[in-house]
Amino acid sequence: MLLPAKNEVARHLRRYRMWERLMLASPADRAAREHFEDSGYTLCVLMGKRCAREAVTAAERYLKEQSGQRRKNQAARRGPPSGRSSAAGR
């Protein structure tokens, strides 16, 4: 399955959280609720999920996995910590 760019997922997740806070602060504000629902729908489409809660969870997991993978790649490029040999038994 094709996944969206990490920065797009992060941007839409931030937007969802922002509208969620605004909607919870002003539950009678129709515009805030509509924006919140729209942002949830967008996350559903991006993450291939049927409900916003699942989409948020999937987006958070995806971003965590991506940042973990990036750290692994950076560590691999740097090599072993200084003062240690990469060959076993030295």
PDB file of N, CA and C in Angstrom:
ATOM      1  N   MET A   1       0.843  -1.180   0.000  1.00  0.00           N
ATOM      2  CA  MET A   1       0.000   0.000   0.000  1.00  0.00           C
ATOM      3  C   MET A   1       0.888   1.243   0.000  1.00  0.00           C
ATOM      4  N   LEU A   2       0.534   2.194  -0.809  1.00  0.00           N
ATOM      5  CA  LEU A   2       1.269   3.456  -0.830  1.00  0.00           C
ATOM      6  C   LEU A   2       0.890   4.290   0.384  1.00  0.00           C
ATOM      7  N   LEU A   3       1.880   4.843   1.033  1.00  0.00           N
ATOM      8  CA  LEU A   3       1.625   5.706   2.181  1.00  0.00           C
ATOM      9  C   LEU A   3       2.036   7.129   1.847  1.00  0.00           C
ATOM     10  N   PRO A   4       1.362   8.096   2.444  1.00  0.00           N
ATOM     11  CA  PRO A   4       1.682   9.500   2.162  1.00  0.00           C
ATOM     12  C   PRO A   4       3.018   9.892   2.783  1.00  0.00           C
ATOM     13  N   ALA A   5       3.521  11.020   2.344  1.00  0.00           N
ATOM     14  CA  ALA A   5       4.766  11.552   2.889  1.00  0.00           C
ATOM     15  C   ALA A   5       4.593  11.844   4.368  1.00  0.00           C
ATOM     16  N   LYS A   6       5.653  11.586   5.120  1.00  0.00           N
ATOM     17  CA  LYS A   6       5.618  11.781   6.567  1.00  0.00           C
ATOM     18  C   LYS A   6       5.204  13.201   6.942  1.00  0.00           C
ATOM     19  N   ASN A   7       5.736  14.191   6.211  1.00  0.00           N
ATOM     20  CA  ASN A   7       5.407  15.583   6.558  1.00  0.00           C
ATOM     21  C   ASN A   7       3.931  15.896   6.316  1.00  0.00           C
ATOM     22  N   GLU A   8       3.310  15.258   5.332  1.00  0.00           N
ATOM     23  CA  GLU A   8       1.880  15.461   5.099  1.00  0.00           C
ATOM     24  C   GLU A   8       1.053  14.863   6.232  1.00  0.00           C
ATOM     25  N   VAL A   9       1.422  13.677   6.663  1.00  0.00           N
ATOM     26  CA  VAL A   9       0.707  13.034   7.763  1.00  0.00           C
ATOM     27  C   VAL A   9       0.856  13.878   9.024  1.00  0.00           C
ATOM     28  N   ALA A  10       2.070  14.335   9.298  1.00  0.00           N
ATOM     29  CA  ALA A  10       2.311  15.155  10.494  1.00  0.00           C
ATOM     30  C   ALA A  10       1.509  16.450  10.440  1.00  0.00           C
ATOM     31  N   ARG A  11       1.464  17.073   9.273  1.00  0.00           N
ATOM     32  CA  ARG A  11       0.729  18.336   9.123  1.00  0.00           C
ATOM     33  C   ARG A  11      -0.765  18.132   9.369  1.00  0.00           C
ATOM     34  N   HIS A  12      -1.326  17.085   8.799  1.00  0.00           N
ATOM     35  CA  HIS A  12      -2.761  16.838   8.973  1.00  0.00           C
ATOM     36  C   HIS A  12      -3.089  16.373  10.390  1.00  0.00           C
ATOM     37  N   LEU A  13      -2.181  15.661  11.011  1.00  0.00           N
ATOM     38  CA  LEU A  13      -2.405  15.256  12.398  1.00  0.00           C
ATOM     39  C   LEU A  13      -2.380  16.477  13.321  1.00  0.00           C
ATOM     40  N   ARG A  14      -1.442  17.403  13.094  1.00  0.00           N
ATOM     41  CA  ARG A  14      -1.415  18.647  13.883  1.00  0.00           C
ATOM     42  C   ARG A  14      -2.708  19.434  13.684  1.00  0.00           C
ATOM     43  N   ARG A  15      -3.170  19.500  12.448  1.00  0.00           N
ATOM     44  CA  ARG A  15      -4.405  20.227  12.146  1.00  0.00           C
ATOM     45  C   ARG A  15      -5.599  19.582  12.851  1.00  0.00           C
ATOM     46  N   TYR A  16      -5.661  18.251  12.805  1.00  0.00           N
ATOM     47  CA  TYR A  16      -6.735  17.531  13.495  1.00  0.00           C
ATOM     48  C   TYR A  16      -6.715  17.853  14.982  1.00  0.00           C
ATOM     49  N   ARG A  17      -5.534  17.786  15.610  1.00  0.00           N
ATOM     50  CA  ARG A  17      -5.415  18.057  17.054  1.00  0.00           C
ATOM     51  C   ARG A  17      -5.815  19.494  17.390  1.00  0.00           C
ATOM     52  N   MET A  18      -5.431  20.442  16.524  1.00  0.00           N
ATOM     53  CA  MET A  18      -5.785  21.839  16.754  1.00  0.00           C
ATOM     54  C   MET A  18      -7.306  22.012  16.752  1.00  0.00           C
ATOM     55  N   TRP A  19      -7.971  21.465  15.724  1.00  0.00           N
ATOM     56  CA  TRP A  19      -9.425  21.588  15.640  1.00  0.00           C
ATOM     57  C   TRP A  19     -10.106  20.808  16.754  1.00  0.00           C
ATOM     58  N   GLU A  20      -9.520  19.706  17.174  1.00  0.00           N
ATOM     59  CA  GLU A  20     -10.076  18.949  18.289  1.00  0.00           C
ATOM     60  C   GLU A  20     -10.074  19.800  19.562  1.00  0.00           C
ATOM     61  N   ARG A  21      -8.960  20.467  19.846  1.00  0.00           N
ATOM     62  CA  ARG A  21      -8.890  21.336  21.024  1.00  0.00           C
ATOM     63  C   ARG A  21      -9.909  22.470  20.943  1.00  0.00           C
ATOM     64  N   LEU A  22     -10.004  23.087  19.758  1.00  0.00           N
ATOM     65  CA  LEU A  22     -10.955  24.197  19.595  1.00  0.00           C
ATOM     66  C   LEU A  22     -12.402  23.734  19.739  1.00  0.00           C
ATOM     67  N   MET A  23     -12.699  22.589  19.174  1.00  0.00           N
ATOM     68  CA  MET A  23     -14.059  22.060  19.249  1.00  0.00           C
ATOM     69  C   MET A  23     -14.410  21.680  20.682  1.00  0.00           C
ATOM     70  N   LEU A  24     -13.467  21.097  21.407  1.00  0.00           N
ATOM     71  CA  LEU A  24     -13.730  20.739  22.797  1.00  0.00           C
ATOM     72  C   LEU A  24     -13.859  21.976  23.687  1.00  0.00           C
ATOM     73  N   ALA A  25     -13.131  23.038  23.342  1.00  0.00           N
ATOM     74  CA  ALA A  25     -13.216  24.278  24.118  1.00  0.00           C
ATOM     75  C   ALA A  25     -14.530  25.007  23.859  1.00  0.00           C
ATOM     76  N   SER A  26     -15.065  24.878  22.635  1.00  0.00           N
ATOM     77  CA  SER A  26     -16.320  25.552  22.269  1.00  0.00           C
ATOM     78  C   SER A  26     -17.238  24.569  21.556  1.00  0.00           C
ATOM     79  N   PRO A  27     -17.874  23.655  22.281  1.00  0.00           N
ATOM     80  CA  PRO A  27     -18.690  22.620  21.638  1.00  0.00           C
ATOM     81  C   PRO A  27     -19.862  23.156  20.817  1.00  0.00           C
ATOM     82  N   ALA A  28     -20.321  24.364  21.099  1.00  0.00           N
ATOM     83  CA  ALA A  28     -21.449  24.926  20.351  1.00  0.00           C
ATOM     84  C   ALA A  28     -21.002  25.609  19.056  1.00  0.00           C
ATOM     85  N   ASP A  29     -19.722  25.741  18.848  1.00  0.00           N
ATOM     86  CA  ASP A  29     -19.189  26.405  17.652  1.00  0.00           C
ATOM     87  C   ASP A  29     -19.268  25.448  16.463  1.00  0.00           C
ATOM     88  N   ARG A  30     -20.228  25.694  15.588  1.00  0.00           N
ATOM     89  CA  ARG A  30     -20.446  24.808  14.431  1.00  0.00           C
ATOM     90  C   ARG A  30     -19.253  24.782  13.481  1.00  0.00           C
ATOM     91  N   ALA A  31     -18.641  25.934  13.274  1.00  0.00           N
ATOM     92  CA  ALA A  31     -17.492  25.998  12.359  1.00  0.00           C
ATOM     93  C   ALA A  31     -16.342  25.136  12.878  1.00  0.00           C
ATOM     94  N   ALA A  32     -16.079  25.214  14.179  1.00  0.00           N
ATOM     95  CA  ALA A  32     -15.008  24.401  14.762  1.00  0.00           C
ATOM     96  C   ALA A  32     -15.316  22.916  14.599  1.00  0.00           C
ATOM     97  N   ARG A  33     -16.564  22.540  14.839  1.00  0.00           N
ATOM     98  CA  ARG A  33     -16.948  21.127  14.681  1.00  0.00           C
ATOM     99  C   ARG A  33     -16.800  20.678  13.227  1.00  0.00           C
ATOM    100  N   GLU A  34     -17.220  21.509  12.285  1.00  0.00           N
ATOM    101  CA  GLU A  34     -17.100  21.139  10.867  1.00  0.00           C
ATOM    102  C   GLU A  34     -15.638  20.981  10.455  1.00  0.00           C
ATOM    103  N   HIS A  35     -14.792  21.893  10.893  1.00  0.00           N
ATOM    104  CA  HIS A  35     -13.360  21.785  10.573  1.00  0.00           C
ATOM    105  C   HIS A  35     -12.752  20.543  11.216  1.00  0.00           C
ATOM    106  N   PHE A  36     -13.156  20.262  12.436  1.00  0.00           N
ATOM    107  CA  PHE A  36     -12.683  19.068  13.134  1.00  0.00           C
ATOM    108  C   PHE A  36     -13.083  17.813  12.364  1.00  0.00           C
ATOM    109  N   GLU A  37     -14.334  17.733  11.959  1.00  0.00           N
ATOM    110  CA  GLU A  37     -14.804  16.570  11.206  1.00  0.00           C
ATOM    111  C   GLU A  37     -14.111  16.456   9.849  1.00  0.00           C
ATOM    112  N   ASP A  38     -13.909  17.593   9.184  1.00  0.00           N
ATOM    113  CA  ASP A  38     -13.195  17.584   7.900  1.00  0.00           C
ATOM    114  C   ASP A  38     -11.758  17.096   8.061  1.00  0.00           C
ATOM    115  N   SER A  39     -11.095  17.552   9.103  1.00  0.00           N
ATOM    116  CA  SER A  39      -9.708  17.136   9.321  1.00  0.00           C
ATOM    117  C   SER A  39      -9.646  15.647   9.662  1.00  0.00           C
ATOM    118  N   GLY A  40     -10.643  15.142  10.379  1.00  0.00           N
ATOM    119  CA  GLY A  40     -10.707  13.711  10.658  1.00  0.00           C
ATOM    120  C   GLY A  40     -10.921  12.904   9.389  1.00  0.00           C
ATOM    121  N   TYR A  41     -11.785  13.400   8.525  1.00  0.00           N
ATOM    122  CA  TYR A  41     -12.036  12.723   7.252  1.00  0.00           C
ATOM    123  C   TYR A  41     -10.759  12.678   6.409  1.00  0.00           C
ATOM    124  N   THR A  42     -10.025  13.787   6.381  1.00  0.00           N
ATOM    125  CA  THR A  42      -8.778  13.833   5.614  1.00  0.00           C
ATOM    126  C   THR A  42      -7.793  12.797   6.136  1.00  0.00           C
ATOM    127  N   LEU A  43      -7.670  12.669   7.454  1.00  0.00           N
ATOM    128  CA  LEU A  43      -6.787  11.641   8.018  1.00  0.00           C
ATOM    129  C   LEU A  43      -7.261  10.240   7.640  1.00  0.00           C
ATOM    130  N   CYS A  44      -8.571  10.034   7.615  1.00  0.00           N
ATOM    131  CA  CYS A  44      -9.101   8.734   7.204  1.00  0.00           C
ATOM    132  C   CYS A  44      -8.667   8.388   5.790  1.00  0.00           C
ATOM    133  N   VAL A  45      -8.769   9.345   4.903  1.00  0.00           N
ATOM    134  CA  VAL A  45      -8.385   9.117   3.510  1.00  0.00           C
ATOM    135  C   VAL A  45      -6.879   8.870   3.410  1.00  0.00           C
ATOM    136  N   LEU A  46      -6.087   9.704   4.084  1.00  0.00           N
ATOM    137  CA  LEU A  46      -4.624   9.552   4.035  1.00  0.00           C
ATOM    138  C   LEU A  46      -4.164   8.198   4.557  1.00  0.00           C
ATOM    139  N   MET A  47      -4.775   7.757   5.649  1.00  0.00           N
ATOM    140  CA  MET A  47      -4.307   6.552   6.319  1.00  0.00           C
ATOM    141  C   MET A  47      -5.094   5.299   5.925  1.00  0.00           C
ATOM    142  N   GLY A  48      -6.127   5.455   5.103  1.00  0.00           N
ATOM    143  CA  GLY A  48      -6.900   4.301   4.647  1.00  0.00           C
ATOM    144  C   GLY A  48      -7.721   3.658   5.754  1.00  0.00           C
ATOM    145  N   LYS A  49      -8.279   4.470   6.620  1.00  0.00           N
ATOM    146  CA  LYS A  49      -9.080   3.964   7.745  1.00  0.00           C
ATOM    147  C   LYS A  49     -10.517   4.455   7.621  1.00  0.00           C
ATOM    148  N   ARG A  50     -11.431   3.789   8.324  1.00  0.00           N
ATOM    149  CA  ARG A  50     -12.846   4.118   8.231  1.00  0.00           C
ATOM    150  C   ARG A  50     -13.317   5.128   9.257  1.00  0.00           C
ATOM    151  N   CYS A  51     -12.600   5.260  10.372  1.00  0.00           N
ATOM    152  CA  CYS A  51     -13.017   6.239  11.374  1.00  0.00           C
ATOM    153  C   CYS A  51     -11.808   7.080  11.801  1.00  0.00           C
ATOM    154  N   ALA A  52     -12.111   8.268  12.272  1.00  0.00           N
ATOM    155  CA  ALA A  52     -11.045   9.216  12.610  1.00  0.00           C
ATOM    156  C   ALA A  52     -10.159   8.690  13.729  1.00  0.00           C
ATOM    157  N   ARG A  53     -10.722   8.033  14.726  1.00  0.00           N
ATOM    158  CA  ARG A  53      -9.931   7.505  15.840  1.00  0.00           C
ATOM    159  C   ARG A  53      -8.882   6.531  15.323  1.00  0.00           C
ATOM    160  N   GLU A  54      -9.292   5.616  14.436  1.00  0.00           N
ATOM    161  CA  GLU A  54      -8.347   4.657  13.856  1.00  0.00           C
ATOM    162  C   GLU A  54      -7.301   5.369  13.011  1.00  0.00           C
ATOM    163  N   ALA A  55      -7.729   6.397  12.275  1.00  0.00           N
ATOM    164  CA  ALA A  55      -6.804   7.142  11.416  1.00  0.00           C
ATOM    165  C   ALA A  55      -5.759   7.876  12.249  1.00  0.00           C
ATOM    166  N   VAL A  56      -6.177   8.460  13.370  1.00  0.00           N
ATOM    167  CA  VAL A  56      -5.239   9.161  14.253  1.00  0.00           C
ATOM    168  C   VAL A  56      -4.224   8.172  14.820  1.00  0.00           C
ATOM    169  N   THR A  57      -4.705   7.026  15.283  1.00  0.00           N
ATOM    170  CA  THR A  57      -3.810   6.002  15.824  1.00  0.00           C
ATOM    171  C   THR A  57      -2.826   5.531  14.764  1.00  0.00           C
ATOM    172  N   ALA A  58      -3.321   5.293  13.560  1.00  0.00           N
ATOM    173  CA  ALA A  58      -2.455   4.851  12.464  1.00  0.00           C
ATOM    174  C   ALA A  58      -1.435   5.930  12.102  1.00  0.00           C
ATOM    175  N   ALA A  59      -1.859   7.179  12.082  1.00  0.00           N
ATOM    176  CA  ALA A  59      -0.945   8.278  11.754  1.00  0.00           C
ATOM    177  C   ALA A  59       0.152   8.401  12.809  1.00  0.00           C
ATOM    178  N   GLU A  60      -0.231   8.312  14.076  1.00  0.00           N
ATOM    179  CA  GLU A  60       0.757   8.396  15.152  1.00  0.00           C
ATOM    180  C   GLU A  60       1.758   7.246  15.069  1.00  0.00           C
ATOM    181  N   ARG A  61       1.264   6.043  14.812  1.00  0.00           N
ATOM    182  CA  ARG A  61       2.133   4.873  14.678  1.00  0.00           C
ATOM    183  C   ARG A  61       3.067   5.029  13.478  1.00  0.00           C
ATOM    184  N   TYR A  62       2.523   5.492  12.366  1.00  0.00           N
ATOM    185  CA  TYR A  62       3.308   5.690  11.149  1.00  0.00           C
ATOM    186  C   TYR A  62       4.431   6.703  11.382  1.00  0.00           C
ATOM    187  N   LEU A  63       4.114   7.806  12.034  1.00  0.00           N
ATOM    188  CA  LEU A  63       5.134   8.827  12.294  1.00  0.00           C
ATOM    189  C   LEU A  63       6.203   8.302  13.255  1.00  0.00           C
ATOM    190  N   LYS A  64       5.794   7.529  14.247  1.00  0.00           N
ATOM    191  CA  LYS A  64       6.751   6.963  15.198  1.00  0.00           C
ATOM    192  C   LYS A  64       7.676   5.972  14.493  1.00  0.00           C
ATOM    193  N   GLU A  65       7.115   5.125  13.643  1.00  0.00           N
ATOM    194  CA  GLU A  65       7.924   4.155  12.898  1.00  0.00           C
ATOM    195  C   GLU A  65       8.889   4.857  11.958  1.00  0.00           C
ATOM    196  N   GLN A  66       8.423   5.898  11.304  1.00  0.00           N
ATOM    197  CA  GLN A  66       9.280   6.634  10.372  1.00  0.00           C
ATOM    198  C   GLN A  66      10.438   7.307  11.097  1.00  0.00           C
ATOM    199  N   SER A  67      10.177   7.917  12.250  1.00  0.00           N
ATOM    200  CA  SER A  67      11.257   8.583  12.976  1.00  0.00           C
ATOM    201  C   SER A  67      12.221   7.549  13.554  1.00  0.00           C
ATOM    202  N   GLY A  68      11.732   6.399  13.980  1.00  0.00           N
ATOM    203  CA  GLY A  68      12.598   5.321  14.464  1.00  0.00           C
ATOM    204  C   GLY A  68      13.487   4.786  13.358  1.00  0.00           C
ATOM    205  N   GLN A  69      12.931   4.630  12.171  1.00  0.00           N
ATOM    206  CA  GLN A  69      13.705   4.158  11.029  1.00  0.00           C
ATOM    207  C   GLN A  69      14.778   5.168  10.648  1.00  0.00           C
ATOM    208  N   ARG A  70      14.450   6.462  10.712  1.00  0.00           N
ATOM    209  CA  ARG A  70      15.418   7.497  10.367  1.00  0.00           C
ATOM    210  C   ARG A  70      16.589   7.468  11.346  1.00  0.00           C
ATOM    211  N   ARG A  71      16.297   7.285  12.653  1.00  0.00           N
ATOM    212  CA  ARG A  71      17.369   7.216  13.648  1.00  0.00           C
ATOM    213  C   ARG A  71      18.266   6.014  13.401  1.00  0.00           C
ATOM    214  N   LYS A  72      17.676   4.873  13.032  1.00  0.00           N
ATOM    215  CA  LYS A  72      18.475   3.685  12.724  1.00  0.00           C
ATOM    216  C   LYS A  72      19.412   3.950  11.550  1.00  0.00           C
ATOM    217  N   ASN A  73      18.876   4.587  10.511  1.00  0.00           N
ATOM    218  CA  ASN A  73      19.685   4.878   9.331  1.00  0.00           C
ATOM    219  C   ASN A  73      20.821   5.830   9.659  1.00  0.00           C
ATOM    220  N   GLN A  74      20.573   6.835  10.483  1.00  0.00           N
ATOM    221  CA  GLN A  74      21.612   7.778  10.866  1.00  0.00           C
ATOM    222  C   GLN A  74      22.693   7.083  11.677  1.00  0.00           C
ATOM    223  N   ALA A  75      22.312   6.218  12.583  1.00  0.00           N
ATOM    224  CA  ALA A  75      23.279   5.491  13.401  1.00  0.00           C
ATOM    225  C   ALA A  75      24.130   4.566  12.531  1.00  0.00           C
ATOM    226  N   ALA A  76      23.514   3.935  11.549  1.00  0.00           N
ATOM    227  CA  ALA A  76      24.253   3.041  10.667  1.00  0.00           C
ATOM    228  C   ALA A  76      25.275   3.802   9.835  1.00  0.00           C
ATOM    229  N   ARG A  77      24.956   5.014   9.421  1.00  0.00           N
ATOM    230  CA  ARG A  77      25.902   5.815   8.637  1.00  0.00           C
ATOM    231  C   ARG A  77      27.089   6.265   9.482  1.00  0.00           C
ATOM    232  N   ARG A  78      26.859   6.522  10.763  1.00  0.00           N
ATOM    233  CA  ARG A  78      27.930   6.982  11.647  1.00  0.00           C
ATOM    234  C   ARG A  78      28.898   5.862  11.978  1.00  0.00           C
ATOM    235  N   GLY A  79      28.444   4.637  11.996  1.00  0.00           N
ATOM    236  CA  GLY A  79      29.314   3.525  12.356  1.00  0.00           C
ATOM    237  C   GLY A  79      29.299   3.272  13.854  1.00  0.00           C
ATOM    238  N   PRO A  80      30.213   2.402  14.318  1.00  0.00           N
ATOM    239  CA  PRO A  80      30.244   2.084  15.742  1.00  0.00           C
ATOM    240  C   PRO A  80      30.695   3.284  16.565  1.00  0.00           C
ATOM    241  N   PRO A  81      30.331   3.318  17.849  1.00  0.00           N
ATOM    242  CA  PRO A  81      30.772   4.417  18.713  1.00  0.00           C
ATOM    243  C   PRO A  81      32.294   4.501  18.752  1.00  0.00           C
ATOM    244  N   SER A  82      32.832   5.679  18.947  1.00  0.00           N
ATOM    245  CA  SER A  82      34.293   5.857  18.950  1.00  0.00           C
ATOM    246  C   SER A  82      34.929   5.032  20.039  1.00  0.00           C
ATOM    247  N   GLY A  83      36.132   4.515  19.738  1.00  0.00           N
ATOM    248  CA  GLY A  83      36.850   3.706  20.694  1.00  0.00           C
ATOM    249  C   GLY A  83      36.473   2.236  20.633  1.00  0.00           C
ATOM    250  N   ARG A  84      35.540   1.880  19.807  1.00  0.00           N
ATOM    251  CA  ARG A  84      35.135   0.476  19.683  1.00  0.00           C
ATOM    252  C   ARG A  84      35.379  -0.004  18.262  1.00  0.00           C
ATOM    253  N   SER A  85      35.768  -1.198  18.156  1.00  0.00           N
ATOM    254  CA  SER A  85      35.998  -1.802  16.858  1.00  0.00           C
ATOM    255  C   SER A  85      34.729  -2.493  16.392  1.00  0.00           C
ATOM    256  N   SER A  86      34.478  -2.468  15.117  1.00  0.00           N
ATOM    257  CA  SER A  86      33.297  -3.132  14.603  1.00  0.00           C
ATOM    258  C   SER A  86      33.528  -4.625  14.418  1.00  0.00           C
ATOM    259  N   ALA A  87      34.781  -5.056  14.408  1.00  0.00           N
ATOM    260  CA  ALA A  87      35.069  -6.483  14.245  1.00  0.00           C
ATOM    261  C   ALA A  87      34.971  -7.185  15.598  1.00  0.00           C
ATOM    262  N   ALA A  88      34.386  -8.352  15.625  1.00  0.00           N
ATOM    263  CA  ALA A  88      34.221  -9.102  16.874  1.00  0.00           C
ATOM    264  C   ALA A  88      35.552  -9.706  17.289  1.00  0.00           C
ATOM    265  N   GLY A  89      35.800  -9.713  18.596  1.00  0.00           N
ATOM    266  CA  GLY A  89      36.976 -10.386  19.116  1.00  0.00           C
ATOM    267  C   GLY A  89      38.233  -9.536  19.127  1.00  0.00           C
ATOM    268  N   ARG A  90      38.219  -8.305  18.813  1.00  0.00           N
ATOM    269  CA  ARG A  90      39.432  -7.471  18.824  1.00  0.00           C
ATOM    270  C   ARG A  90      39.655  -6.869  20.161  1.00  0.00           C
TER     271      ARG A  90
END
